[in-house]
Amino acid sequence: MPGKDKHGQAEEMRDEVPSTIARSDDKAVRTYEKTLESAEETYGPGERARRIAYASLKHTHEKVGDHWEPKERTGPSDPQAEQGTPQSGRQQRDTAQGVDAYAPKVHLDEVARKVGIEHPEDLNKSDLVAAIQKVNARATAEAREKGR
């Protein structure tokens, strides 16, 4: 019988999602998996279905370090997620790579402190989003090297 991990999800469920999501709460795992399953039924497996699943996740969660945490308010996190379901011919926009770029500056300051950025109040909002992205990418790479 499959065991449950520290988040309460069956271990094999977490094995089927990207590692950053596997390190996140149950809702993040369920949101990604259910959206991916639906997108694969509609568009087939592949990159498009995964982008749709991430866009859905970005409405309820934000990337903090090497995992995703629930957002204080739901909604898109960046212009790409706001655009909705990716369709052929539609312009691809830059993403904030899971950082909630639409969050208030005070929230971004809090996230920055949580991931180890000193004096985030000295950065403007766009520089702060970029700094959080950089720290998140580093934390994710380090977590993957350690094997989740």
C-alpha atoms as a PDB file:
ATOM      1  CA  MET A   1       0.000   0.000   0.000  1.00  0.00           C
ATOM      2  CA  PRO A   2       1.442   3.398  -0.936  1.00  0.00           C
ATOM      3  CA  GLY A   3       2.540   5.603   1.908  1.00  0.00           C
ATOM      4  CA  LYS A   4       1.709   9.212   2.546  1.00  0.00           C
ATOM      5  CA  ASP A   5       4.379  11.883   2.637  1.00  0.00           C
ATOM      6  CA  LYS A   6       4.721  14.817   5.037  1.00  0.00           C
ATOM      7  CA  HIS A   7       2.124  16.778   3.049  1.00  0.00           C
ATOM      8  CA  GLY A   8      -0.492  13.989   3.274  1.00  0.00           C
ATOM      9  CA  GLN A   9      -0.491  13.198  -0.450  1.00  0.00           C
ATOM     10  CA  ALA A  10       0.201   9.708  -1.716  1.00  0.00           C
ATOM     11  CA  GLU A  11       3.895   9.553  -2.596  1.00  0.00           C
ATOM     12  CA  GLU A  12       3.332   8.424  -6.185  1.00  0.00           C
ATOM     13  CA  MET A  13       1.074  11.442  -6.769  1.00  0.00           C
ATOM     14  CA  ARG A  14       3.976  13.734  -5.966  1.00  0.00           C
ATOM     15  CA  ASP A  15       6.282  11.673  -8.192  1.00  0.00           C
ATOM     16  CA  GLU A  16       4.134  12.656 -11.182  1.00  0.00           C
ATOM     17  CA  VAL A  17       4.492  16.428 -10.819  1.00  0.00           C
ATOM     18  CA  PRO A  18       7.483  18.748 -11.223  1.00  0.00           C
ATOM     19  CA  SER A  19       9.709  18.764  -8.153  1.00  0.00           C
ATOM     20  CA  THR A  20       8.860  22.344  -7.139  1.00  0.00           C
ATOM     21  CA  ILE A  21       5.194  21.358  -6.976  1.00  0.00           C
ATOM     22  CA  ALA A  22       5.970  18.082  -5.197  1.00  0.00           C
ATOM     23  CA  ARG A  23       7.583  20.136  -2.401  1.00  0.00           C
ATOM     24  CA  SER A  24       4.410  22.231  -2.092  1.00  0.00           C
ATOM     25  CA  ASP A  25       1.095  21.791  -0.279  1.00  0.00           C
ATOM     26  CA  ASP A  26      -1.601  19.320  -1.320  1.00  0.00           C
ATOM     27  CA  LYS A  27      -3.710  21.997  -2.994  1.00  0.00           C
ATOM     28  CA  ALA A  28      -0.843  22.948  -5.308  1.00  0.00           C
ATOM     29  CA  VAL A  29      -0.372  19.305  -6.301  1.00  0.00           C
ATOM     30  CA  ARG A  30      -4.107  18.790  -6.892  1.00  0.00           C
ATOM     31  CA  THR A  31      -4.476  22.046  -8.852  1.00  0.00           C
ATOM     32  CA  TYR A  32      -1.587  21.201 -11.145  1.00  0.00           C
ATOM     33  CA  GLU A  33      -2.607  17.551 -11.636  1.00  0.00           C
ATOM     34  CA  LYS A  34      -6.300  18.215 -12.301  1.00  0.00           C
ATOM     35  CA  THR A  35      -5.566  21.041 -14.721  1.00  0.00           C
ATOM     36  CA  LEU A  36      -2.892  19.006 -16.491  1.00  0.00           C
ATOM     37  CA  GLU A  37      -5.267  16.054 -16.846  1.00  0.00           C
ATOM     38  CA  SER A  38      -7.991  18.271 -18.306  1.00  0.00           C
ATOM     39  CA  ALA A  39      -5.563  20.042 -20.651  1.00  0.00           C
ATOM     40  CA  GLU A  40      -4.163  16.717 -21.864  1.00  0.00           C
ATOM     41  CA  GLU A  41      -7.695  15.524 -22.644  1.00  0.00           C
ATOM     42  CA  THR A  42      -8.281  18.668 -24.681  1.00  0.00           C
ATOM     43  CA  TYR A  43      -4.878  19.288 -26.301  1.00  0.00           C
ATOM     44  CA  GLY A  44      -2.997  16.024 -25.823  1.00  0.00           C
ATOM     45  CA  PRO A  45       0.109  15.529 -23.684  1.00  0.00           C
ATOM     46  CA  GLY A  46       2.976  17.935 -24.091  1.00  0.00           C
ATOM     47  CA  GLU A  47       4.247  21.428 -23.486  1.00  0.00           C
ATOM     48  CA  ARG A  48       0.922  23.176 -24.076  1.00  0.00           C
ATOM     49  CA  ALA A  49      -0.842  21.113 -21.409  1.00  0.00           C
ATOM     50  CA  ARG A  50       1.981  21.760 -18.919  1.00  0.00           C
ATOM     51  CA  ARG A  51       1.873  25.523 -19.577  1.00  0.00           C
ATOM     52  CA  ILE A  52      -1.874  25.514 -18.944  1.00  0.00           C
ATOM     53  CA  ALA A  53      -1.386  23.619 -15.668  1.00  0.00           C
ATOM     54  CA  TYR A  54       1.256  26.112 -14.509  1.00  0.00           C
ATOM     55  CA  ALA A  55      -0.967  29.060 -15.493  1.00  0.00           C
ATOM     56  CA  SER A  56      -3.746  27.597 -13.359  1.00  0.00           C
ATOM     57  CA  LEU A  57      -1.386  27.056 -10.431  1.00  0.00           C
ATOM     58  CA  LYS A  58      -0.199  30.674 -10.677  1.00  0.00           C
ATOM     59  CA  HIS A  59      -3.752  31.856  -9.957  1.00  0.00           C
ATOM     60  CA  THR A  60      -3.757  30.273  -6.490  1.00  0.00           C
ATOM     61  CA  HIS A  61      -0.061  29.915  -5.570  1.00  0.00           C
ATOM     62  CA  GLU A  62       3.217  31.795  -5.877  1.00  0.00           C
ATOM     63  CA  LYS A  63       6.744  30.441  -6.020  1.00  0.00           C
ATOM     64  CA  VAL A  64       8.721  31.051  -2.840  1.00  0.00           C
ATOM     65  CA  GLY A  65      12.197  29.568  -2.920  1.00  0.00           C
ATOM     66  CA  ASP A  66      12.029  25.953  -4.070  1.00  0.00           C
ATOM     67  CA  HIS A  67       8.250  25.426  -3.680  1.00  0.00           C
ATOM     68  CA  TRP A  68       4.819  26.998  -4.210  1.00  0.00           C
ATOM     69  CA  GLU A  69       2.816  28.661  -1.419  1.00  0.00           C
ATOM     70  CA  PRO A  70      -0.853  29.732  -1.420  1.00  0.00           C
ATOM     71  CA  LYS A  71      -1.395  33.350  -2.404  1.00  0.00           C
ATOM     72  CA  GLU A  72      -3.281  35.757  -0.153  1.00  0.00           C
ATOM     73  CA  ARG A  73      -5.551  36.637  -3.067  1.00  0.00           C
ATOM     74  CA  THR A  74      -6.363  34.582  -6.129  1.00  0.00           C
ATOM     75  CA  GLY A  75      -5.769  35.793  -9.644  1.00  0.00           C
ATOM     76  CA  PRO A  76      -3.082  35.826 -12.312  1.00  0.00           C
ATOM     77  CA  SER A  77       0.485  36.457 -11.200  1.00  0.00           C
ATOM     78  CA  ASP A  78       1.885  37.968 -14.378  1.00  0.00           C
ATOM     79  CA  PRO A  79       0.843  39.115 -17.877  1.00  0.00           C
ATOM     80  CA  GLN A  80       1.298  35.622 -19.333  1.00  0.00           C
ATOM     81  CA  ALA A  81      -0.946  33.974 -16.719  1.00  0.00           C
ATOM     82  CA  GLU A  82      -3.464  36.796 -17.138  1.00  0.00           C
ATOM     83  CA  GLN A  83      -3.659  36.058 -20.854  1.00  0.00           C
ATOM     84  CA  GLY A  84      -5.383  32.757 -20.127  1.00  0.00           C
ATOM     85  CA  THR A  85      -5.156  29.518 -22.035  1.00  0.00           C
ATOM     86  CA  PRO A  86      -2.251  29.615 -24.501  1.00  0.00           C
ATOM     87  CA  GLN A  87      -3.476  29.410 -28.077  1.00  0.00           C
ATOM     88  CA  SER A  88      -1.511  29.190 -31.270  1.00  0.00           C
ATOM     89  CA  GLY A  89      -0.893  32.586 -32.793  1.00  0.00           C
ATOM     90  CA  ARG A  90      -1.290  34.365 -29.451  1.00  0.00           C
ATOM     91  CA  GLN A  91       1.667  36.445 -28.341  1.00  0.00           C
ATOM     92  CA  GLN A  92       3.750  34.871 -25.594  1.00  0.00           C
ATOM     93  CA  ARG A  93       4.594  37.331 -22.840  1.00  0.00           C
ATOM     94  CA  ASP A  94       7.337  37.234 -20.247  1.00  0.00           C
ATOM     95  CA  THR A  95       6.436  35.365 -17.104  1.00  0.00           C
ATOM     96  CA  ALA A  96       7.458  36.182 -13.581  1.00  0.00           C
ATOM     97  CA  GLN A  97       8.358  32.480 -13.146  1.00  0.00           C
ATOM     98  CA  GLY A  98       5.855  31.997 -10.363  1.00  0.00           C
ATOM     99  CA  VAL A  99       6.512  35.255  -8.524  1.00  0.00           C
ATOM    100  CA  ASP A 100       3.250  37.144  -8.013  1.00  0.00           C
ATOM    101  CA  ALA A 101       4.274  40.287  -9.905  1.00  0.00           C
ATOM    102  CA  TYR A 102       0.809  41.771  -9.305  1.00  0.00           C
ATOM    103  CA  ALA A 103       1.100  41.500  -5.514  1.00  0.00           C
ATOM    104  CA  PRO A 104       1.492  44.713  -3.504  1.00  0.00           C
ATOM    105  CA  LYS A 105       5.075  45.830  -2.866  1.00  0.00           C
ATOM    106  CA  VAL A 106       4.690  45.197   0.874  1.00  0.00           C
ATOM    107  CA  HIS A 107       3.885  41.523   0.126  1.00  0.00           C
ATOM    108  CA  LEU A 108       6.855  41.213  -2.220  1.00  0.00           C
ATOM    109  CA  ASP A 109       9.075  42.717   0.492  1.00  0.00           C
ATOM    110  CA  GLU A 110       7.820  39.983   2.857  1.00  0.00           C
ATOM    111  CA  VAL A 111       8.481  37.209   0.318  1.00  0.00           C
ATOM    112  CA  ALA A 112      11.936  38.642  -0.367  1.00  0.00           C
ATOM    113  CA  ARG A 113      12.826  38.549   3.324  1.00  0.00           C
ATOM    114  CA  LYS A 114      11.506  34.980   3.532  1.00  0.00           C
ATOM    115  CA  VAL A 115      13.882  33.864   0.754  1.00  0.00           C
ATOM    116  CA  GLY A 116      16.850  35.757   2.197  1.00  0.00           C
ATOM    117  CA  ILE A 117      16.989  39.034   0.278  1.00  0.00           C
ATOM    118  CA  GLU A 118      18.288  41.768   2.552  1.00  0.00           C
ATOM    119  CA  HIS A 119      16.751  45.246   2.494  1.00  0.00           C
ATOM    120  CA  PRO A 120      14.052  44.562  -0.122  1.00  0.00           C
ATOM    121  CA  GLU A 121      12.494  47.935   0.721  1.00  0.00           C
ATOM    122  CA  ASP A 122      15.444  49.509  -1.131  1.00  0.00           C
ATOM    123  CA  LEU A 123      14.397  47.890  -4.435  1.00  0.00           C
ATOM    124  CA  ASN A 124      11.646  49.055  -6.750  1.00  0.00           C
ATOM    125  CA  LYS A 125       8.901  46.551  -7.534  1.00  0.00           C
ATOM    126  CA  SER A 126      10.249  45.259 -10.873  1.00  0.00           C
ATOM    127  CA  ASP A 127      13.777  44.836  -9.464  1.00  0.00           C
ATOM    128  CA  LEU A 128      12.305  43.065  -6.453  1.00  0.00           C
ATOM    129  CA  VAL A 129      10.381  40.614  -8.673  1.00  0.00           C
ATOM    130  CA  ALA A 130      13.610  39.924 -10.615  1.00  0.00           C
ATOM    131  CA  ALA A 131      15.587  39.396  -7.393  1.00  0.00           C
ATOM    132  CA  ILE A 132      12.989  36.945  -6.050  1.00  0.00           C
ATOM    133  CA  GLN A 133      13.017  35.078  -9.383  1.00  0.00           C
ATOM    134  CA  LYS A 134      16.803  34.731  -9.167  1.00  0.00           C
ATOM    135  CA  VAL A 135      16.719  33.435  -5.573  1.00  0.00           C
ATOM    136  CA  ASN A 136      13.863  31.048  -6.430  1.00  0.00           C
ATOM    137  CA  ALA A 137      15.797  29.640  -9.397  1.00  0.00           C
ATOM    138  CA  ARG A 138      18.876  29.088  -7.242  1.00  0.00           C
ATOM    139  CA  ALA A 139      16.834  27.416  -4.468  1.00  0.00           C
ATOM    140  CA  THR A 140      15.119  25.152  -6.980  1.00  0.00           C
ATOM    141  CA  ALA A 141      18.437  24.120  -8.566  1.00  0.00           C
ATOM    142  CA  GLU A 142      19.922  23.355  -5.145  1.00  0.00           C
ATOM    143  CA  ALA A 143      16.860  21.317  -4.112  1.00  0.00           C
ATOM    144  CA  ARG A 144      17.000  19.317  -7.344  1.00  0.00           C
ATOM    145  CA  GLU A 145      20.696  18.593  -6.812  1.00  0.00           C
ATOM    146  CA  LYS A 146      19.849  17.207  -3.376  1.00  0.00           C
ATOM    147  CA  GLY A 147      17.160  14.994  -4.917  1.00  0.00           C
ATOM    148  CA  ARG A 148      13.982  16.825  -3.845  1.00  0.00           C
END
